[in-house]
Structures are given as C-alpha cells and as structure tokens.
Amino acid sequence: MSKKVLWAPWRMEYLQPEEKNDSCVFCELPSKANPREALIVDQGKAVYTVLNKYPYNSGHLMIIPLEHKAALTDLHASVLHALMEGASAAMDALERAFHPDGFNVGLNQGRAAGAGIPAHLHLHVVPRWNGDTNFMPVLSETKSLPQHLLATYDAIKENFHKKA
C-alpha cells in the first residue's frame, strides 16, 4: 500500500518560526491599517473579534480585550461584559454565515491551560458541526479546513451585526 500525502503548501507560512520580540501580537493587530489583512471582523471600544490564524475549525474566532491583561480577574466588569457581548455577536455571525450545529466557547488562561499567548487573555468561539470529526486529526495530527481564511473572513464579516 502506498502512502497518501496531503499537500497544503499554503500552510508553510504557519510552520515557520516567528521572530521573538517583546511585542504582543494581540496589542498590535487593531493598529493595522487593513482590518481584512489583520483578520479583524469586528472592532468595539473594549474588545475586538478576529479570525484565528491557526483555526481549530473554519470560522474559529477570538474575542480579544484591547487591554493587555493575562487573567480574567484582571478585567474590569465593563470589559467582561463586552467580552460576552462579543461572543454573542460572533456566534450570531457564524450562525448566519455557516449554520453550525453548535459552538465551543472558552478561554485558556495560562500556558499550562493551553494558552498560546498567555500574556493576553482571549476568548475562543469555535463553530462545530455534527460529524465534523474525522480520521485526519486522529491518524496524522492534521486538521483539514475546507475554506481559505480570507474567504471565511469575508463570509463572517458580511454577517456581523446583521439584522434578521
């Protein structure tokens, strides 16, 4: 039996190690001139919503406080409220754009809990579909995403704060 190879050359940019510096990517993203390039689908006064560059599923969003804080207990009540409103708006946009069967919503506080960027707290909203698990993650530690990030961005952005 011959081995099958999943060829995804566009993923190489994600595998290259990024230069380490003292700056915070979540603090820098809102200042980018082009929100689409930054993958920011919504911007509020206390939080912004961004498409995850390394998604678990297509449409994986993160709601990020503008303040650089590492712990949920460090956030002011108004920011906590904005975080939950952001999650609700994100779920509404994802529902309109992709019609998922459910959502995973959560945060990983601290490196030991799985936070990739532990210094800047962020809330994940991951759309889920019945049967969205398959053999790829189990056998090859590979997740197959059916849509390019920018196409996903466009579909979500178009549905943010849209009235029924």
Foldseek 3Di string as FASTA:
>chain_A
DDDDDDDDVVCVVVVDDDDDDDDDLLLCLVVDPDVLVSQWLADDPFWTKGADPDDPAQLKIKIFGNDQAQDPVVDDPVNVVVQVVVLVLSVQLCCVLPVAPDWDKAWQRDVVSPDPRRRTTIIIIGGHHVPLDDCCCVPPVDHDYDDDNSVSSVSSSVRGPDDD
